[in-house]
Amino acid sequence: MLVVESLINWGNTILWSYVLIALLVGLGIYFTFRTKFVQVTNLREMFRLMKDSPTTSNGKTQVSSFGAFCISAASRIGTGNLAGVAIAITLGGPGAVFWMWIVAIFGAALSFIESTLAQVYKVKDTSGFKGGPAYYMEKAIGARWMGVLFALLITFCFGLAFNSVQANTITVAFEEAFGTNRLIIGIGLTILTGFVIFGGVKRIAKVSQVIVPVMAICYLILVAYIVILNIGEIPRVMGLIVSSAFGLNEAVAGGIGAAIMNGVKRGLFSNEAGMGSAPVAAATADVSHPAKQGFVQTLGVFVDTLLICSATAFIILLSGIAGEGMGGIQLTQSALASHVGPWASIFVAIAILLFCFSSIIGNYYYGESNIGYIKENKAAIFVFRLAVLGMILLGSVSSLSMVWNLADLFMALMAITNLIALAFIGKIAIAVLKDYLKQKKEGRDPVFYASNIKGLKNVECWKEEEVEKRKEA
């Protein structure tokens, strides 16, 4: 077992420290310039599109842009926003927060590219649409083997390993706050998850649409309250973050190298931009143009990192207790308690429940969708659902350090596979963006047809007859 753990740790060191970060940052910068800073120049459009209503087909209401946004946000927002930020500050100093922001800004361009591609190459299923990296790898590159590899990696990472970690976080937080038996909480969590995942993607979207905004707003309101109470300290904290980011405050930050490395790693882990997970949710939306969902999903990166992660960072740095031998969720709990009192432990436990349960929902859907890509088989989906519930129950009572490391390794492999694909076919998303902006400039509500892009092949849902059929419905 020790040999296996050593190999996993070695693989994580190589992939996360060198290969993955170089690909993510390099391609993020490349697509930012190729799209003329799409993630910055179209912010107003992103918010406007969140209000688009879903269409109705065959008497069934399809998943809206906001619904698809919430599915992906449900997976993004979780332990990384509360515990991950604390770890980044512990290991990389306050400067790590600055590099998390940088990664989010450039990573948002990757999110636009991958989510737009997911829309272009989505396919119809019995309840609406589905798609993601596996689909565009097969249809745009012609490499089904690559799609199958990605589908297996994301199913294992998100559907099983990550869900067990989320469950573990919930039960540990409740044990600390209330002294509750972890097995009892785990059984309740398993039953609740079973009710949601056996209800299908529509129920996943509905549950996410309630949980995600509520949990984010409550958390941000508390942070706003703390910031207002400490408004005089904000310039100092901002100065500390920036100076530490460039190694100007090494006594606190541990040097520029530690700040960059931990900020990049935790930023990518939290917002998942370029990882290939959010496009699976993006493909479910029924929109008139693929770029619309690209815009909406790009906004999700900003919400996750620039809002939620920054909120946690401010709570910690304003408390002044960072670096006192604590890390992870313990540091976040202690920092919050220093601001608002001992009830913070209970608040964090409830926040963790909401954040992590929504992540479990989103993670499950990523696995289900990709199993369907490999082979449409109801029995396989049923077995997968049982496996998910089993891993949630197991994770609730286990110590999962090795599962975390294994999940990180598979997540790195998954992201590298997706980024290689984006490097080859990202130009298609850029062409789709140009088509959207051209129609907007002409004063139209953009509608996409496959024929709009010269040479676009293997597209199922954007043929003229299919688009007109949806418009009439």
Protein backbone atom coordinates (compact mmCIF):
# COMPACT_ATOMS: atom_id res chain seq x y z
CA MET A 1 0.00 0.00 0.00
CA LEU A 2 2.85 2.40 0.81
CA VAL A 3 4.34 1.78 -2.64
CA VAL A 4 1.01 2.59 -4.30
CA GLU A 5 0.65 5.80 -2.25
CA SER A 6 4.19 6.82 -3.18
CA LEU A 7 3.46 6.31 -6.87
CA ILE A 8 0.24 8.32 -6.62
CA ASN A 9 2.03 11.17 -4.83
CA TRP A 10 4.85 11.11 -7.38
CA GLY A 11 2.32 11.24 -10.23
CA ASN A 12 0.52 14.17 -8.62
CA THR A 13 3.78 16.07 -8.14
CA ILE A 14 4.76 15.69 -11.80
CA LEU A 15 1.33 16.35 -13.31
CA TRP A 16 0.12 19.18 -11.05
CA SER A 17 3.45 20.96 -10.61
CA TYR A 18 4.55 20.96 -14.23
CA VAL A 19 2.41 19.49 -17.02
CA LEU A 20 -1.11 20.49 -15.99
CA ILE A 21 -0.35 24.00 -14.76
CA ALA A 22 1.68 24.80 -17.89
CA LEU A 23 -1.17 23.60 -20.14
CA LEU A 24 -3.94 25.36 -18.22
CA VAL A 25 -2.19 28.69 -17.81
CA GLY A 26 -0.68 28.63 -21.30
CA LEU A 27 -3.93 27.80 -23.07
CA GLY A 28 -5.88 30.18 -20.83
CA ILE A 29 -3.68 33.08 -21.92
CA TYR A 30 -3.75 31.93 -25.57
CA PHE A 31 -7.56 31.75 -25.76
CA THR A 32 -7.93 35.01 -23.84
CA PHE A 33 -6.08 36.83 -26.62
CA ARG A 34 -7.65 34.81 -29.46
CA THR A 35 -11.14 35.68 -28.21
CA LYS A 36 -10.16 39.31 -27.51
CA PHE A 37 -10.76 38.91 -23.77
CA VAL A 38 -14.22 37.35 -24.15
CA GLN A 39 -14.48 36.85 -20.39
CA VAL A 40 -14.13 40.59 -19.70
CA THR A 41 -15.76 42.31 -22.68
CA ASN A 42 -19.01 40.33 -22.45
CA LEU A 43 -19.80 40.47 -18.74
CA ARG A 44 -23.03 42.39 -19.29
CA GLU A 45 -24.18 39.79 -21.83
CA MET A 46 -23.44 36.98 -19.36
CA PHE A 47 -25.81 38.43 -16.76
CA ARG A 48 -28.49 39.16 -19.37
CA LEU A 49 -28.47 35.59 -20.66
CA MET A 50 -29.05 34.17 -17.17
CA LYS A 51 -32.66 35.32 -17.53
CA ASP A 52 -33.36 33.35 -20.74
CA SER A 53 -36.37 31.07 -20.34
CA PRO A 54 -36.24 27.37 -21.28
CA THR A 55 -38.26 26.12 -24.23
CA THR A 56 -40.86 23.37 -24.20
CA SER A 57 -40.55 20.32 -26.43
CA ASN A 58 -43.06 17.48 -26.61
CA GLY A 59 -44.78 18.91 -23.56
CA LYS A 60 -41.55 18.82 -21.50
CA THR A 61 -39.76 21.93 -20.23
CA GLN A 62 -36.08 21.80 -21.12
CA VAL A 63 -33.17 22.80 -18.87
CA SER A 64 -32.67 26.58 -18.92
CA SER A 65 -29.35 28.43 -19.12
CA PHE A 66 -29.68 29.20 -15.41
CA GLY A 67 -30.49 25.55 -14.63
CA ALA A 68 -27.39 24.31 -16.46
CA PHE A 69 -25.35 27.04 -14.76
CA CYS A 70 -26.55 25.81 -11.36
CA ILE A 71 -25.68 22.17 -12.12
CA SER A 72 -22.08 23.15 -12.86
CA ALA A 73 -21.96 25.64 -9.98
CA ALA A 74 -23.22 22.90 -7.67
CA SER A 75 -20.13 20.86 -8.51
CA ARG A 76 -17.71 23.79 -8.48
CA ILE A 77 -18.77 25.27 -5.15
CA GLY A 78 -17.80 22.96 -2.31
CA THR A 79 -14.91 22.11 -0.01
CA GLY A 80 -12.47 23.99 -2.25
CA ASN A 81 -14.17 27.28 -1.39
CA LEU A 82 -13.98 26.84 2.39
CA ALA A 83 -11.13 24.41 3.09
CA GLY A 84 -9.15 24.82 -0.16
CA VAL A 85 -8.66 28.56 0.23
CA ALA A 86 -7.46 28.06 3.80
CA ILE A 87 -4.93 25.47 2.62
CA ALA A 88 -3.68 27.81 -0.12
CA ILE A 89 -3.11 30.61 2.42
CA THR A 90 -1.47 28.22 4.89
CA LEU A 91 1.00 26.84 2.33
CA GLY A 92 1.46 29.82 0.01
CA GLY A 93 0.67 32.81 2.18
CA PRO A 94 -1.80 35.63 1.40
CA GLY A 95 -0.21 36.01 -2.05
CA ALA A 96 -1.78 32.71 -3.10
CA VAL A 97 -5.15 34.53 -3.20
CA PHE A 98 -3.84 36.91 -5.88
CA TRP A 99 -2.75 34.00 -8.09
CA MET A 100 -6.14 32.35 -7.59
CA TRP A 101 -7.67 35.51 -9.04
CA ILE A 102 -5.27 35.47 -12.01
CA VAL A 103 -6.06 31.82 -12.74
CA ALA A 104 -9.80 32.55 -12.61
CA ILE A 105 -9.51 35.47 -15.04
CA PHE A 106 -7.55 33.54 -17.67
CA GLY A 107 -9.26 30.23 -16.91
CA ALA A 108 -12.61 31.83 -17.68
CA ALA A 109 -11.61 31.95 -21.36
CA LEU A 110 -11.07 28.18 -21.26
CA SER A 111 -14.49 27.77 -19.69
CA PHE A 112 -16.06 29.68 -22.58
CA ILE A 113 -14.26 27.54 -25.18
CA GLU A 114 -15.09 24.15 -23.65
CA SER A 115 -18.71 24.99 -22.80
CA THR A 116 -19.39 26.42 -26.27
CA LEU A 117 -17.93 23.28 -27.85
CA ALA A 118 -20.12 21.15 -25.59
CA GLN A 119 -23.18 22.99 -26.95
CA VAL A 120 -22.07 22.67 -30.59
CA TYR A 121 -21.61 18.91 -30.34
CA LYS A 122 -24.42 18.04 -27.90
CA VAL A 123 -26.88 15.29 -28.78
CA LYS A 124 -30.53 14.63 -27.98
CA ASP A 125 -31.65 12.13 -25.39
CA THR A 126 -35.02 11.10 -23.98
CA SER A 127 -35.25 14.04 -21.55
CA GLY A 128 -33.45 16.81 -23.44
CA PHE A 129 -29.79 17.14 -24.37
CA LYS A 130 -26.46 15.77 -23.21
CA GLY A 131 -22.84 16.22 -24.19
CA GLY A 132 -19.41 17.29 -22.99
CA PRO A 133 -15.75 16.68 -23.81
CA ALA A 134 -16.23 13.00 -24.67
CA TYR A 135 -18.69 14.01 -27.38
CA TYR A 136 -16.59 16.73 -28.96
CA MET A 137 -13.50 14.53 -28.83
CA GLU A 138 -15.30 11.93 -30.93
CA LYS A 139 -17.24 14.23 -33.25
CA ALA A 140 -14.75 17.05 -33.82
CA ILE A 141 -11.45 15.14 -33.60
CA GLY A 142 -12.72 11.72 -34.66
CA ALA A 143 -11.14 10.01 -31.65
CA ARG A 144 -13.75 7.91 -29.83
CA TRP A 145 -10.99 6.22 -27.81
CA MET A 146 -10.13 9.63 -26.39
CA GLY A 147 -13.77 10.27 -25.54
CA VAL A 148 -14.09 6.91 -23.77
CA LEU A 149 -10.89 7.59 -21.80
CA PHE A 150 -12.20 10.97 -20.67
CA ALA A 151 -15.63 9.51 -19.79
CA LEU A 152 -14.02 6.87 -17.57
CA LEU A 153 -11.78 9.41 -15.84
CA ILE A 154 -14.54 11.91 -15.05
CA THR A 155 -16.94 9.17 -13.92
CA PHE A 156 -14.43 7.82 -11.43
CA CYS A 157 -13.26 11.25 -10.22
CA PHE A 158 -16.53 13.07 -9.80
CA GLY A 159 -19.13 10.33 -9.51
CA LEU A 160 -17.27 8.21 -6.97
CA ALA A 161 -14.07 9.60 -5.42
CA PHE A 162 -15.06 13.24 -5.08
CA ASN A 163 -18.50 12.39 -3.75
CA SER A 164 -17.00 10.26 -1.01
CA VAL A 165 -14.75 13.17 -0.03
CA GLN A 166 -17.70 15.59 0.04
CA ALA A 167 -19.66 13.20 2.25
CA ASN A 168 -16.70 12.85 4.58
CA THR A 169 -16.43 16.64 4.91
CA ILE A 170 -20.11 16.95 5.81
CA THR A 171 -20.05 14.29 8.52
CA VAL A 172 -16.79 15.56 10.07
CA ALA A 173 -18.17 19.12 10.20
CA PHE A 174 -21.38 17.96 11.90
CA GLU A 175 -19.47 15.80 14.34
CA GLU A 176 -17.37 18.83 15.34
CA ALA A 177 -20.35 21.19 15.60
CA PHE A 178 -23.00 18.96 17.16
CA GLY A 179 -21.21 15.79 18.30
CA THR A 180 -23.47 13.82 15.94
CA ASN A 181 -22.61 10.23 15.07
CA ARG A 182 -21.06 10.24 11.58
CA LEU A 183 -22.76 7.02 10.54
CA ILE A 184 -26.23 8.43 11.29
CA ILE A 185 -25.49 11.59 9.27
CA GLY A 186 -24.06 9.42 6.50
CA ILE A 187 -27.19 7.28 6.28
CA GLY A 188 -29.40 10.35 6.10
CA LEU A 189 -27.17 11.91 3.42
CA THR A 190 -27.24 8.69 1.40
CA ILE A 191 -31.04 8.50 1.49
CA LEU A 192 -31.42 12.15 0.49
CA THR A 193 -28.96 11.75 -2.39
CA GLY A 194 -30.78 8.65 -3.59
CA PHE A 195 -34.06 10.57 -3.75
CA VAL A 196 -32.46 13.26 -5.93
CA ILE A 197 -30.39 11.14 -8.32
CA PHE A 198 -33.20 8.67 -9.03
CA GLY A 199 -35.34 11.68 -10.00
CA GLY A 200 -33.28 12.48 -13.11
CA VAL A 201 -31.49 15.57 -14.41
CA LYS A 202 -34.56 17.81 -14.26
CA ARG A 203 -34.79 17.24 -10.51
CA ILE A 204 -31.02 17.80 -10.22
CA ALA A 205 -31.45 21.18 -11.92
CA LYS A 206 -34.41 22.11 -9.71
CA VAL A 207 -32.63 21.19 -6.48
CA SER A 208 -29.48 23.02 -7.58
CA GLN A 209 -31.45 26.13 -8.54
CA VAL A 210 -32.66 26.37 -4.94
CA ILE A 211 -29.53 25.34 -3.03
CA VAL A 212 -26.76 27.13 -4.95
CA PRO A 213 -28.11 30.71 -4.84
CA VAL A 214 -29.26 30.39 -1.21
CA MET A 215 -25.98 29.03 0.08
CA ALA A 216 -23.89 31.54 -1.88
CA ILE A 217 -26.00 34.56 -0.89
CA CYS A 218 -26.06 33.66 2.82
CA TYR A 219 -22.31 33.17 2.87
CA LEU A 220 -21.65 36.42 1.00
CA ILE A 221 -23.99 38.38 3.30
CA LEU A 222 -22.04 37.17 6.33
CA VAL A 223 -18.74 38.12 4.66
CA ALA A 224 -20.13 41.55 3.72
CA TYR A 225 -21.08 42.07 7.37
CA ILE A 226 -17.56 41.13 8.50
CA VAL A 227 -15.94 43.35 5.86
CA ILE A 228 -18.10 46.34 6.88
CA LEU A 229 -17.10 45.86 10.52
CA ASN A 230 -13.45 45.79 9.44
CA ILE A 231 -13.63 48.28 6.56
CA GLY A 232 -10.58 50.17 7.79
CA GLU A 233 -8.48 47.02 7.46
CA ILE A 234 -9.33 46.29 3.80
CA PRO A 235 -6.50 48.40 2.27
CA ARG A 236 -4.01 46.62 4.50
CA VAL A 237 -5.33 43.18 3.54
CA MET A 238 -5.32 44.01 -0.18
CA GLY A 239 -1.79 45.33 0.13
CA LEU A 240 -0.74 42.16 1.94
CA ILE A 241 -2.23 39.96 -0.79
CA VAL A 242 -0.50 41.87 -3.62
CA SER A 243 2.87 42.29 -1.92
CA SER A 244 2.96 38.63 -0.87
CA ALA A 245 2.04 37.53 -4.41
CA PHE A 246 5.34 38.91 -5.68
CA GLY A 247 7.51 37.75 -2.82
CA LEU A 248 7.73 41.18 -1.17
CA ASN A 249 6.52 39.81 2.15
CA GLU A 250 8.30 36.48 2.36
CA ALA A 251 8.09 36.25 6.12
CA VAL A 252 4.34 35.80 5.69
CA ALA A 253 4.01 34.29 2.24
CA GLY A 254 6.94 31.90 2.13
CA GLY A 255 8.17 33.33 -1.18
CA ILE A 256 6.76 33.98 -4.62
CA GLY A 257 7.14 30.34 -5.70
CA ALA A 258 4.92 29.03 -2.91
CA ALA A 259 2.36 31.76 -3.54
CA ILE A 260 2.11 31.05 -7.27
CA MET A 261 2.08 27.27 -6.96
CA ASN A 262 -0.56 27.03 -4.25
CA GLY A 263 -2.70 29.80 -5.70
CA VAL A 264 -2.74 28.16 -9.13
CA LYS A 265 -3.37 24.65 -7.81
CA ARG A 266 -6.19 25.61 -5.45
CA GLY A 267 -7.70 28.03 -7.92
CA LEU A 268 -7.90 25.36 -10.60
CA PHE A 269 -9.23 22.79 -8.17
CA SER A 270 -12.00 25.15 -7.09
CA ASN A 271 -13.29 26.63 -10.36
CA GLU A 272 -12.54 23.62 -12.64
CA ALA A 273 -11.99 25.88 -15.68
CA GLY A 274 -10.52 23.75 -18.46
CA MET A 275 -11.00 20.52 -16.52
CA GLY A 276 -13.85 19.35 -18.74
CA SER A 277 -16.49 18.92 -16.04
CA ALA A 278 -18.61 22.07 -16.48
CA PRO A 279 -19.19 21.39 -20.23
CA VAL A 280 -21.16 18.28 -19.29
CA ALA A 281 -23.70 20.53 -17.55
CA ALA A 282 -23.46 23.21 -20.25
CA ALA A 283 -24.58 20.73 -22.90
CA THR A 284 -27.94 20.17 -21.14
CA ALA A 285 -29.16 23.73 -21.73
CA ASP A 286 -31.63 24.48 -24.52
CA VAL A 287 -30.38 27.74 -26.06
CA SER A 288 -30.65 29.31 -29.51
CA HIS A 289 -26.89 29.71 -29.90
CA PRO A 290 -23.96 27.71 -28.41
CA ALA A 291 -22.10 30.87 -27.39
CA LYS A 292 -24.95 31.78 -25.03
CA GLN A 293 -24.15 28.91 -22.72
CA GLY A 294 -20.45 29.58 -23.15
CA PHE A 295 -21.05 33.04 -21.69
CA VAL A 296 -23.19 31.74 -18.83
CA GLN A 297 -20.68 29.07 -17.81
CA THR A 298 -17.84 31.61 -17.93
CA LEU A 299 -19.69 33.61 -15.31
CA GLY A 300 -19.61 30.53 -13.07
CA VAL A 301 -15.82 30.72 -12.83
CA PHE A 302 -16.02 34.29 -11.57
CA VAL A 303 -18.76 33.45 -9.06
CA ASP A 304 -16.74 30.54 -7.69
CA THR A 305 -13.33 32.17 -7.35
CA LEU A 306 -13.70 35.95 -7.41
CA LEU A 307 -16.72 35.88 -5.08
CA ILE A 308 -16.92 32.70 -2.96
CA CYS A 309 -13.18 31.97 -2.62
CA SER A 310 -12.39 35.64 -2.06
CA ALA A 311 -15.04 35.73 0.66
CA THR A 312 -13.27 32.95 2.55
CA ALA A 313 -9.89 34.60 2.03
CA PHE A 314 -11.09 37.91 3.50
CA ILE A 315 -12.57 36.14 6.53
CA ILE A 316 -9.23 34.44 7.21
CA LEU A 317 -6.94 37.40 6.54
CA LEU A 318 -9.06 39.88 8.49
CA SER A 319 -8.99 37.56 11.50
CA GLY A 320 -5.20 37.73 11.79
CA ILE A 321 -4.92 34.09 12.89
CA ALA A 322 -3.52 32.65 9.64
CA GLY A 323 -0.28 30.79 10.19
CA GLU A 324 -1.00 29.77 13.79
CA GLY A 325 -0.62 26.06 13.12
CA MET A 326 -4.10 25.53 11.67
CA GLY A 327 -5.10 24.61 8.15
CA GLY A 328 -8.06 23.62 6.04
CA ILE A 329 -11.57 23.82 7.42
CA GLN A 330 -10.27 24.27 10.99
CA LEU A 331 -8.65 27.59 10.00
CA THR A 332 -11.85 28.79 8.30
CA GLN A 333 -13.94 27.86 11.35
CA SER A 334 -11.58 29.57 13.78
CA ALA A 335 -11.32 32.69 11.63
CA LEU A 336 -15.09 32.98 11.39
CA ALA A 337 -15.49 32.40 15.13
CA SER A 338 -13.04 35.23 15.83
CA HIS A 339 -15.36 37.60 13.96
CA VAL A 340 -18.85 36.52 14.97
CA GLY A 341 -18.48 34.23 17.97
CA PRO A 342 -18.49 30.50 18.77
CA TRP A 343 -21.72 29.85 16.82
CA ALA A 344 -19.50 29.99 13.72
CA SER A 345 -18.79 26.27 14.09
CA ILE A 346 -22.50 25.53 13.59
CA PHE A 347 -22.77 27.95 10.69
CA VAL A 348 -19.79 26.36 8.91
CA ALA A 349 -21.28 22.90 9.43
CA ILE A 350 -24.54 24.00 7.79
CA ALA A 351 -22.67 25.81 5.01
CA ILE A 352 -20.58 22.71 4.39
CA LEU A 353 -23.77 20.63 4.18
CA LEU A 354 -25.24 22.94 1.53
CA PHE A 355 -22.00 23.39 -0.42
CA CYS A 356 -21.03 19.73 -0.39
CA PHE A 357 -24.50 18.29 -1.01
CA SER A 358 -24.90 20.47 -4.08
CA SER A 359 -21.46 19.24 -5.21
CA ILE A 360 -22.59 15.63 -4.79
CA ILE A 361 -25.58 16.33 -7.03
CA GLY A 362 -23.49 17.96 -9.76
CA ASN A 363 -20.74 15.34 -9.54
CA TYR A 364 -23.25 12.53 -9.91
CA TYR A 365 -24.69 13.98 -13.11
CA TYR A 366 -21.23 14.21 -14.68
CA GLY A 367 -20.76 10.50 -14.10
CA GLU A 368 -24.21 9.50 -15.36
CA SER A 369 -23.87 11.53 -18.54
CA ASN A 370 -20.49 10.02 -19.39
CA ILE A 371 -21.57 6.45 -18.71
CA GLY A 372 -24.33 7.10 -21.24
CA TYR A 373 -21.68 8.22 -23.71
CA ILE A 374 -19.76 4.94 -23.44
CA LYS A 375 -22.91 2.84 -23.79
CA GLU A 376 -26.61 3.50 -23.26
CA ASN A 377 -27.44 0.90 -20.66
CA LYS A 378 -30.07 1.32 -17.94
CA ALA A 379 -28.53 -1.47 -15.88
CA ALA A 380 -25.13 0.26 -15.90
CA ILE A 381 -26.72 3.53 -14.78
CA PHE A 382 -28.56 1.73 -11.99
CA VAL A 383 -25.34 0.05 -10.80
CA PHE A 384 -23.54 3.41 -10.97
CA ARG A 385 -26.23 5.02 -8.81
CA LEU A 386 -25.84 2.29 -6.23
CA ALA A 387 -22.04 2.70 -6.35
CA VAL A 388 -22.41 6.45 -5.77
CA LEU A 389 -24.65 5.85 -2.75
CA GLY A 390 -22.21 3.24 -1.47
CA MET A 391 -19.24 5.60 -1.78
CA ILE A 392 -21.19 8.37 0.00
CA LEU A 393 -21.95 6.05 2.91
CA LEU A 394 -18.35 4.75 3.00
CA GLY A 395 -16.94 8.25 2.78
CA SER A 396 -19.13 9.40 5.64
CA VAL A 397 -17.29 7.19 8.14
CA SER A 398 -13.83 6.84 6.59
CA SER A 399 -10.53 8.69 6.48
CA LEU A 400 -9.99 9.38 2.80
CA SER A 401 -6.49 10.83 2.40
CA MET A 402 -5.57 8.23 -0.21
CA VAL A 403 -8.89 8.71 -2.04
CA TRP A 404 -8.18 12.47 -2.19
CA ASN A 405 -4.73 11.83 -3.68
CA LEU A 406 -6.07 9.26 -6.13
CA ALA A 407 -8.88 11.61 -7.18
CA ASP A 408 -6.35 14.40 -7.73
CA LEU A 409 -4.31 12.12 -9.95
CA PHE A 410 -7.30 11.11 -12.08
CA MET A 411 -8.50 14.71 -12.21
CA ALA A 412 -5.11 15.79 -13.56
CA LEU A 413 -5.25 13.08 -16.23
CA MET A 414 -8.80 14.10 -17.09
CA ALA A 415 -7.86 17.77 -17.42
CA ILE A 416 -4.80 17.04 -19.56
CA THR A 417 -6.93 14.93 -21.91
CA ASN A 418 -9.48 17.74 -22.23
CA LEU A 419 -6.86 20.48 -22.73
CA ILE A 420 -5.15 18.58 -25.52
CA ALA A 421 -8.53 18.39 -27.27
CA LEU A 422 -9.15 22.12 -26.77
CA ALA A 423 -5.77 22.93 -28.28
CA PHE A 424 -6.84 21.15 -31.49
CA ILE A 425 -10.46 22.27 -31.84
CA GLY A 426 -10.72 25.51 -29.84
CA LYS A 427 -10.77 27.42 -33.14
CA ILE A 428 -14.32 26.11 -33.71
CA ALA A 429 -15.55 27.85 -30.55
CA ILE A 430 -13.81 31.04 -31.66
CA ALA A 431 -15.66 30.89 -34.99
CA VAL A 432 -18.95 30.36 -33.12
CA LEU A 433 -18.20 33.41 -30.97
CA LYS A 434 -17.60 35.55 -34.06
CA ASP A 435 -20.93 34.37 -35.49
CA TYR A 436 -22.71 35.34 -32.26
CA LEU A 437 -21.13 38.79 -32.06
CA LYS A 438 -21.89 39.44 -35.72
CA GLN A 439 -25.60 38.71 -35.23
CA LYS A 440 -25.69 40.83 -32.06
CA LYS A 441 -24.12 43.72 -33.94
CA GLU A 442 -26.90 43.42 -36.52
CA GLY A 443 -29.48 43.81 -33.74
CA ARG A 444 -30.70 40.20 -33.79
CA ASP A 445 -31.16 37.63 -31.05
CA PRO A 446 -28.47 35.20 -32.27
CA VAL A 447 -29.65 31.87 -33.68
CA PHE A 448 -27.08 29.29 -34.71
CA TYR A 449 -27.13 26.95 -37.68
CA ALA A 450 -24.32 24.50 -38.45
CA SER A 451 -24.08 26.02 -41.92
CA ASN A 452 -22.98 29.32 -40.33
CA ILE A 453 -19.51 27.83 -39.82
CA LYS A 454 -17.81 26.62 -42.97
CA GLY A 455 -16.74 22.98 -42.80
CA LEU A 456 -18.52 22.22 -39.50
CA LYS A 457 -19.35 18.50 -39.48
CA ASN A 458 -20.89 15.83 -37.23
CA VAL A 459 -23.27 18.32 -35.58
CA GLU A 460 -26.61 16.79 -34.59
CA CYS A 461 -28.66 19.54 -32.96
CA TRP A 462 -27.80 22.58 -35.07
CA LYS A 463 -28.97 21.50 -38.51
CA GLU A 464 -31.47 23.99 -39.92
CA GLU A 465 -34.44 21.64 -39.70
CA GLU A 466 -33.65 20.77 -36.06
CA VAL A 467 -33.30 24.40 -35.02
CA GLU A 468 -36.57 25.40 -36.74
CA LYS A 469 -38.36 22.48 -35.11
CA ARG A 470 -37.27 23.67 -31.64
CA LYS A 471 -38.28 27.26 -32.44
CA GLU A 472 -41.77 26.12 -33.45
CA ALA A 473 -42.13 24.03 -30.28
